[in-house]
Amino acid sequence: MTFDKVKEIMAETLNLDEADIKMEATLKDLGIDSIDAVELVMALEETYDVKIADEEAAALEKVSDIVAFIEKKIA
């Protein structure tokens, strides 16, 4: 469930094809650069009403990392 929402946010925010967004994909695999990553973090913070520190954001390398992080924050 969280994965589907994260995938939707990533597709909308970064103009990605949802079919390309898999749990094991790295942000680098998806062509996400540092500016895209900042936009993604802002979209996630707004959607889930959470704060993501720069250090936390830097540790999010895979889609699965993002999903696990969000699930932990909203639990």
PDB file of N, CA and C in Angstrom:
ATOM      1  N   MET A   1       0.830  -1.196   0.000  1.00  0.00           N
ATOM      2  CA  MET A   1       0.000   0.000   0.000  1.00  0.00           C
ATOM      3  C   MET A   1       0.870   1.254   0.000  1.00  0.00           C
ATOM      4  N   THR A   2       1.826   1.315   0.911  1.00  0.00           N
ATOM      5  CA  THR A   2       2.730   2.464   0.956  1.00  0.00           C
ATOM      6  C   THR A   2       3.524   2.537  -0.341  1.00  0.00           C
ATOM      7  N   PHE A   3       3.959   1.369  -0.842  1.00  0.00           N
ATOM      8  CA  PHE A   3       4.721   1.340  -2.087  1.00  0.00           C
ATOM      9  C   PHE A   3       3.927   1.967  -3.234  1.00  0.00           C
ATOM     10  N   ASP A   4       2.651   1.620  -3.330  1.00  0.00           N
ATOM     11  CA  ASP A   4       1.822   2.162  -4.419  1.00  0.00           C
ATOM     12  C   ASP A   4       1.746   3.685  -4.351  1.00  0.00           C
ATOM     13  N   LYS A   5       1.592   4.227  -3.149  1.00  0.00           N
ATOM     14  CA  LYS A   5       1.500   5.677  -2.983  1.00  0.00           C
ATOM     15  C   LYS A   5       2.852   6.339  -3.283  1.00  0.00           C
ATOM     16  N   VAL A   6       3.942   5.743  -2.792  1.00  0.00           N
ATOM     17  CA  VAL A   6       5.280   6.283  -3.052  1.00  0.00           C
ATOM     18  C   VAL A   6       5.548   6.258  -4.557  1.00  0.00           C
ATOM     19  N   LYS A   7       5.170   5.166  -5.202  1.00  0.00           N
ATOM     20  CA  LYS A   7       5.358   5.036  -6.649  1.00  0.00           C
ATOM     21  C   LYS A   7       4.588   6.130  -7.388  1.00  0.00           C
ATOM     22  N   GLU A   8       3.361   6.371  -6.948  1.00  0.00           N
ATOM     23  CA  GLU A   8       2.529   7.418  -7.549  1.00  0.00           C
ATOM     24  C   GLU A   8       3.179   8.803  -7.373  1.00  0.00           C
ATOM     25  N   ILE A   9       3.668   9.077  -6.171  1.00  0.00           N
ATOM     26  CA  ILE A   9       4.326  10.361  -5.883  1.00  0.00           C
ATOM     27  C   ILE A   9       5.571  10.521  -6.757  1.00  0.00           C
ATOM     28  N   MET A  10       6.364   9.459  -6.855  1.00  0.00           N
ATOM     29  CA  MET A  10       7.586   9.521  -7.662  1.00  0.00           C
ATOM     30  C   MET A  10       7.258   9.762  -9.135  1.00  0.00           C
ATOM     31  N   ALA A  11       6.249   9.072  -9.630  1.00  0.00           N
ATOM     32  CA  ALA A  11       5.871   9.225 -11.037  1.00  0.00           C
ATOM     33  C   ALA A  11       5.388  10.647 -11.327  1.00  0.00           C
ATOM     34  N   GLU A  12       4.538  11.173 -10.434  1.00  0.00           N
ATOM     35  CA  GLU A  12       3.991  12.513 -10.637  1.00  0.00           C
ATOM     36  C   GLU A  12       5.047  13.602 -10.462  1.00  0.00           C
ATOM     37  N   THR A  13       5.843  13.490  -9.413  1.00  0.00           N
ATOM     38  CA  THR A  13       6.815  14.522  -9.079  1.00  0.00           C
ATOM     39  C   THR A  13       7.978  14.559 -10.059  1.00  0.00           C
ATOM     40  N   LEU A  14       8.410  13.382 -10.501  1.00  0.00           N
ATOM     41  CA  LEU A  14       9.635  13.299 -11.295  1.00  0.00           C
ATOM     42  C   LEU A  14       9.406  12.871 -12.744  1.00  0.00           C
ATOM     43  N   ASN A  15       8.141  12.820 -13.158  1.00  0.00           N
ATOM     44  CA  ASN A  15       7.807  12.413 -14.532  1.00  0.00           C
ATOM     45  C   ASN A  15       8.403  11.061 -14.898  1.00  0.00           C
ATOM     46  N   LEU A  16       8.267  10.103 -14.003  1.00  0.00           N
ATOM     47  CA  LEU A  16       8.749   8.752 -14.254  1.00  0.00           C
ATOM     48  C   LEU A  16       7.581   7.867 -14.656  1.00  0.00           C
ATOM     49  N   ASP A  17       7.883   6.795 -15.354  1.00  0.00           N
ATOM     50  CA  ASP A  17       6.880   5.802 -15.707  1.00  0.00           C
ATOM     51  C   ASP A  17       6.708   4.876 -14.503  1.00  0.00           C
ATOM     52  N   GLU A  18       5.482   4.734 -14.013  1.00  0.00           N
ATOM     53  CA  GLU A  18       5.244   3.893 -12.832  1.00  0.00           C
ATOM     54  C   GLU A  18       5.747   2.474 -13.039  1.00  0.00           C
ATOM     55  N   ALA A  19       5.724   1.982 -14.274  1.00  0.00           N
ATOM     56  CA  ALA A  19       6.185   0.622 -14.556  1.00  0.00           C
ATOM     57  C   ALA A  19       7.679   0.452 -14.278  1.00  0.00           C
ATOM     58  N   ASP A  20       8.433   1.541 -14.332  1.00  0.00           N
ATOM     59  CA  ASP A  20       9.876   1.493 -14.085  1.00  0.00           C
ATOM     60  C   ASP A  20      10.218   1.522 -12.599  1.00  0.00           C
ATOM     61  N   ILE A  21       9.257   1.902 -11.768  1.00  0.00           N
ATOM     62  CA  ILE A  21       9.522   2.074 -10.334  1.00  0.00           C
ATOM     63  C   ILE A  21       9.247   0.758  -9.618  1.00  0.00           C
ATOM     64  N   LYS A  22      10.338   0.080  -9.273  1.00  0.00           N
ATOM     65  CA  LYS A  22      10.260  -1.201  -8.577  1.00  0.00           C
ATOM     66  C   LYS A  22      10.917  -1.043  -7.206  1.00  0.00           C
ATOM     67  N   MET A  23      10.564  -1.907  -6.281  1.00  0.00           N
ATOM     68  CA  MET A  23      11.103  -1.824  -4.915  1.00  0.00           C
ATOM     69  C   MET A  23      12.632  -1.882  -4.910  1.00  0.00           C
ATOM     70  N   GLU A  24      13.206  -2.724  -5.782  1.00  0.00           N
ATOM     71  CA  GLU A  24      14.660  -2.905  -5.752  1.00  0.00           C
ATOM     72  C   GLU A  24      15.429  -1.853  -6.548  1.00  0.00           C
ATOM     73  N   ALA A  25      14.713  -0.980  -7.264  1.00  0.00           N
ATOM     74  CA  ALA A  25      15.375   0.047  -8.081  1.00  0.00           C
ATOM     75  C   ALA A  25      16.049   1.093  -7.198  1.00  0.00           C
ATOM     76  N   THR A  26      17.254   1.487  -7.593  1.00  0.00           N
ATOM     77  CA  THR A  26      17.923   2.573  -6.882  1.00  0.00           C
ATOM     78  C   THR A  26      17.497   3.889  -7.516  1.00  0.00           C
ATOM     79  N   LEU A  27      17.650   4.955  -6.772  1.00  0.00           N
ATOM     80  CA  LEU A  27      17.303   6.265  -7.317  1.00  0.00           C
ATOM     81  C   LEU A  27      18.193   6.560  -8.523  1.00  0.00           C
ATOM     82  N   LYS A  28      19.437   6.115  -8.453  1.00  0.00           N
ATOM     83  CA  LYS A  28      20.370   6.301  -9.571  1.00  0.00           C
ATOM     84  C   LYS A  28      19.860   5.555 -10.812  1.00  0.00           C
ATOM     85  N   ASP A  29      19.366   4.320 -10.621  1.00  0.00           N
ATOM     86  CA  ASP A  29      18.803   3.535 -11.738  1.00  0.00           C
ATOM     87  C   ASP A  29      17.682   4.299 -12.430  1.00  0.00           C
ATOM     88  N   LEU A  30      16.914   5.039 -11.636  1.00  0.00           N
ATOM     89  CA  LEU A  30      15.762   5.767 -12.164  1.00  0.00           C
ATOM     90  C   LEU A  30      16.149   7.133 -12.737  1.00  0.00           C
ATOM     91  N   GLY A  31      17.431   7.460 -12.665  1.00  0.00           N
ATOM     92  CA  GLY A  31      17.898   8.727 -13.217  1.00  0.00           C
ATOM     93  C   GLY A  31      17.593   9.925 -12.341  1.00  0.00           C
ATOM     94  N   ILE A  32      17.434   9.676 -11.047  1.00  0.00           N
ATOM     95  CA  ILE A  32      17.104  10.746 -10.112  1.00  0.00           C
ATOM     96  C   ILE A  32      18.394  11.402  -9.627  1.00  0.00           C
ATOM     97  N   ASP A  33      18.528  12.702  -9.918  1.00  0.00           N
ATOM     98  CA  ASP A  33      19.710  13.439  -9.465  1.00  0.00           C
ATOM     99  C   ASP A  33      19.399  14.153  -8.154  1.00  0.00           C
ATOM    100  N   SER A  34      20.351  14.936  -7.676  1.00  0.00           N
ATOM    101  CA  SER A  34      20.188  15.567  -6.361  1.00  0.00           C
ATOM    102  C   SER A  34      19.021  16.553  -6.336  1.00  0.00           C
ATOM    103  N   ILE A  35      18.803  17.265  -7.422  1.00  0.00           N
ATOM    104  CA  ILE A  35      17.681  18.214  -7.471  1.00  0.00           C
ATOM    105  C   ILE A  35      16.353  17.458  -7.455  1.00  0.00           C
ATOM    106  N   ASP A  36      16.279  16.372  -8.239  1.00  0.00           N
ATOM    107  CA  ASP A  36      15.075  15.529  -8.228  1.00  0.00           C
ATOM    108  C   ASP A  36      14.830  14.966  -6.830  1.00  0.00           C
ATOM    109  N   ALA A  37      15.903  14.567  -6.160  1.00  0.00           N
ATOM    110  CA  ALA A  37      15.777  13.979  -4.822  1.00  0.00           C
ATOM    111  C   ALA A  37      15.181  14.984  -3.841  1.00  0.00           C
ATOM    112  N   VAL A  38      15.595  16.244  -3.957  1.00  0.00           N
ATOM    113  CA  VAL A  38      15.048  17.291  -3.080  1.00  0.00           C
ATOM    114  C   VAL A  38      13.550  17.455  -3.348  1.00  0.00           C
ATOM    115  N   GLU A  39      13.169  17.479  -4.624  1.00  0.00           N
ATOM    116  CA  GLU A  39      11.739  17.588  -4.974  1.00  0.00           C
ATOM    117  C   GLU A  39      10.954  16.406  -4.427  1.00  0.00           C
ATOM    118  N   LEU A  40      11.537  15.215  -4.533  1.00  0.00           N
ATOM    119  CA  LEU A  40      10.875  14.014  -4.037  1.00  0.00           C
ATOM    120  C   LEU A  40      10.686  14.080  -2.525  1.00  0.00           C
ATOM    121  N   VAL A  41      11.724  14.487  -1.810  1.00  0.00           N
ATOM    122  CA  VAL A  41      11.640  14.602  -0.351  1.00  0.00           C
ATOM    123  C   VAL A  41      10.543  15.590   0.031  1.00  0.00           C
ATOM    124  N   MET A  42      10.479  16.724  -0.647  1.00  0.00           N
ATOM    125  CA  MET A  42       9.439  17.726  -0.345  1.00  0.00           C
ATOM    126  C   MET A  42       8.049  17.149  -0.606  1.00  0.00           C
ATOM    127  N   ALA A  43       7.880  16.403  -1.681  1.00  0.00           N
ATOM    128  CA  ALA A  43       6.582  15.800  -1.994  1.00  0.00           C
ATOM    129  C   ALA A  43       6.201  14.754  -0.950  1.00  0.00           C
ATOM    130  N   LEU A  44       7.172  13.960  -0.517  1.00  0.00           N
ATOM    131  CA  LEU A  44       6.900  12.952   0.513  1.00  0.00           C
ATOM    132  C   LEU A  44       6.543  13.610   1.841  1.00  0.00           C
ATOM    133  N   GLU A  45       7.276  14.669   2.201  1.00  0.00           N
ATOM    134  CA  GLU A  45       6.994  15.377   3.451  1.00  0.00           C
ATOM    135  C   GLU A  45       5.580  15.953   3.431  1.00  0.00           C
ATOM    136  N   GLU A  46       5.197  16.523   2.311  1.00  0.00           N
ATOM    137  CA  GLU A  46       3.861  17.124   2.201  1.00  0.00           C
ATOM    138  C   GLU A  46       2.772  16.060   2.239  1.00  0.00           C
ATOM    139  N   THR A  47       2.965  14.985   1.499  1.00  0.00           N
ATOM    140  CA  THR A  47       1.945  13.931   1.427  1.00  0.00           C
ATOM    141  C   THR A  47       1.737  13.232   2.763  1.00  0.00           C
ATOM    142  N   TYR A  48       2.848  12.897   3.421  1.00  0.00           N
ATOM    143  CA  TYR A  48       2.765  12.105   4.653  1.00  0.00           C
ATOM    144  C   TYR A  48       2.859  12.941   5.920  1.00  0.00           C
ATOM    145  N   ASP A  49       2.995  14.254   5.790  1.00  0.00           N
ATOM    146  CA  ASP A  49       3.100  15.162   6.929  1.00  0.00           C
ATOM    147  C   ASP A  49       4.206  14.710   7.886  1.00  0.00           C
ATOM    148  N   VAL A  50       5.384  14.481   7.312  1.00  0.00           N
ATOM    149  CA  VAL A  50       6.560  14.088   8.088  1.00  0.00           C
ATOM    150  C   VAL A  50       7.703  15.038   7.758  1.00  0.00           C
ATOM    151  N   LYS A  51       8.719  15.046   8.616  1.00  0.00           N
ATOM    152  CA  LYS A  51       9.953  15.793   8.358  1.00  0.00           C
ATOM    153  C   LYS A  51      11.024  14.778   8.006  1.00  0.00           C
ATOM    154  N   ILE A  52      11.763  15.050   6.945  1.00  0.00           N
ATOM    155  CA  ILE A  52      12.859  14.172   6.543  1.00  0.00           C
ATOM    156  C   ILE A  52      14.138  15.002   6.585  1.00  0.00           C
ATOM    157  N   ALA A  53      15.005  14.673   7.544  1.00  0.00           N
ATOM    158  CA  ALA A  53      16.266  15.403   7.688  1.00  0.00           C
ATOM    159  C   ALA A  53      17.179  15.094   6.501  1.00  0.00           C
ATOM    160  N   ASP A  54      18.099  16.004   6.219  1.00  0.00           N
ATOM    161  CA  ASP A  54      19.030  15.816   5.101  1.00  0.00           C
ATOM    162  C   ASP A  54      19.805  14.507   5.231  1.00  0.00           C
ATOM    163  N   GLU A  55      20.233  14.184   6.461  1.00  0.00           N
ATOM    164  CA  GLU A  55      20.979  12.948   6.675  1.00  0.00           C
ATOM    165  C   GLU A  55      20.107  11.730   6.366  1.00  0.00           C
ATOM    166  N   GLU A  56      18.840  11.798   6.750  1.00  0.00           N
ATOM    167  CA  GLU A  56      17.918  10.695   6.472  1.00  0.00           C
ATOM    168  C   GLU A  56      17.699  10.567   4.970  1.00  0.00           C
ATOM    169  N   ALA A  57      17.506  11.683   4.300  1.00  0.00           N
ATOM    170  CA  ALA A  57      17.272  11.667   2.854  1.00  0.00           C
ATOM    171  C   ALA A  57      18.482  11.092   2.122  1.00  0.00           C
ATOM    172  N   ALA A  58      19.678  11.426   2.577  1.00  0.00           N
ATOM    173  CA  ALA A  58      20.900  10.942   1.932  1.00  0.00           C
ATOM    174  C   ALA A  58      21.029   9.424   2.022  1.00  0.00           C
ATOM    175  N   ALA A  59      20.417   8.830   3.045  1.00  0.00           N
ATOM    176  CA  ALA A  59      20.503   7.383   3.240  1.00  0.00           C
ATOM    177  C   ALA A  59      19.491   6.611   2.394  1.00  0.00           C
ATOM    178  N   LEU A  60      18.575   7.301   1.758  1.00  0.00           N
ATOM    179  CA  LEU A  60      17.542   6.643   0.952  1.00  0.00           C
ATOM    180  C   LEU A  60      18.071   6.423  -0.460  1.00  0.00           C
ATOM    181  N   GLU A  61      18.559   5.208  -0.700  1.00  0.00           N
ATOM    182  CA  GLU A  61      19.177   4.909  -1.989  1.00  0.00           C
ATOM    183  C   GLU A  61      18.283   4.107  -2.915  1.00  0.00           C
ATOM    184  N   LYS A  62      17.385   3.303  -2.343  1.00  0.00           N
ATOM    185  CA  LYS A  62      16.495   2.466  -3.141  1.00  0.00           C
ATOM    186  C   LYS A  62      15.049   2.854  -2.859  1.00  0.00           C
ATOM    187  N   VAL A  63      14.175   2.467  -3.766  1.00  0.00           N
ATOM    188  CA  VAL A  63      12.745   2.695  -3.549  1.00  0.00           C
ATOM    189  C   VAL A  63      12.318   1.977  -2.272  1.00  0.00           C
ATOM    190  N   SER A  64      12.846   0.789  -2.037  1.00  0.00           N
ATOM    191  CA  SER A  64      12.484   0.039  -0.821  1.00  0.00           C
ATOM    192  C   SER A  64      12.909   0.787   0.445  1.00  0.00           C
ATOM    193  N   ASP A  65      14.034   1.524   0.374  1.00  0.00           N
ATOM    194  CA  ASP A  65      14.468   2.329   1.526  1.00  0.00           C
ATOM    195  C   ASP A  65      13.439   3.422   1.822  1.00  0.00           C
ATOM    196  N   ILE A  66      12.937   4.040   0.781  1.00  0.00           N
ATOM    197  CA  ILE A  66      11.943   5.114   0.942  1.00  0.00           C
ATOM    198  C   ILE A  66      10.668   4.554   1.560  1.00  0.00           C
ATOM    199  N   VAL A  67      10.205   3.425   1.028  1.00  0.00           N
ATOM    200  CA  VAL A  67       8.972   2.810   1.540  1.00  0.00           C
ATOM    201  C   VAL A  67       9.135   2.432   3.011  1.00  0.00           C
ATOM    202  N   ALA A  68      10.249   1.792   3.350  1.00  0.00           N
ATOM    203  CA  ALA A  68      10.483   1.395   4.755  1.00  0.00           C
ATOM    204  C   ALA A  68      10.562   2.626   5.661  1.00  0.00           C
ATOM    205  N   PHE A  69      11.234   3.660   5.198  1.00  0.00           N
ATOM    206  CA  PHE A  69      11.366   4.882   5.975  1.00  0.00           C
ATOM    207  C   PHE A  69       9.995   5.515   6.244  1.00  0.00           C
ATOM    208  N   ILE A  70       9.183   5.639   5.216  1.00  0.00           N
ATOM    209  CA  ILE A  70       7.841   6.229   5.367  1.00  0.00           C
ATOM    210  C   ILE A  70       6.996   5.377   6.308  1.00  0.00           C
ATOM    211  N   GLU A  71       7.030   4.057   6.132  1.00  0.00           N
ATOM    212  CA  GLU A  71       6.241   3.191   7.007  1.00  0.00           C
ATOM    213  C   GLU A  71       6.653   3.346   8.463  1.00  0.00           C
ATOM    214  N   LYS A  72       7.955   3.504   8.715  1.00  0.00           N
ATOM    215  CA  LYS A  72       8.434   3.691  10.079  1.00  0.00           C
ATOM    216  C   LYS A  72       7.970   5.049  10.638  1.00  0.00           C
ATOM    217  N   LYS A  73       8.014   6.079   9.800  1.00  0.00           N
ATOM    218  CA  LYS A  73       7.619   7.427  10.235  1.00  0.00           C
ATOM    219  C   LYS A  73       6.131   7.543  10.555  1.00  0.00           C
ATOM    220  N   ILE A  74       5.296   6.839   9.784  1.00  0.00           N
ATOM    221  CA  ILE A  74       3.844   6.984   9.963  1.00  0.00           C
ATOM    222  C   ILE A  74       3.247   5.921  10.881  1.00  0.00           C
ATOM    223  N   ALA A  75       4.089   4.985  11.335  1.00  0.00           N
ATOM    224  CA  ALA A  75       3.588   3.896  12.188  1.00  0.00           C
ATOM    225  C   ALA A  75       3.123   4.413  13.541  1.00  0.00           C
TER     226      ALA A  75
END
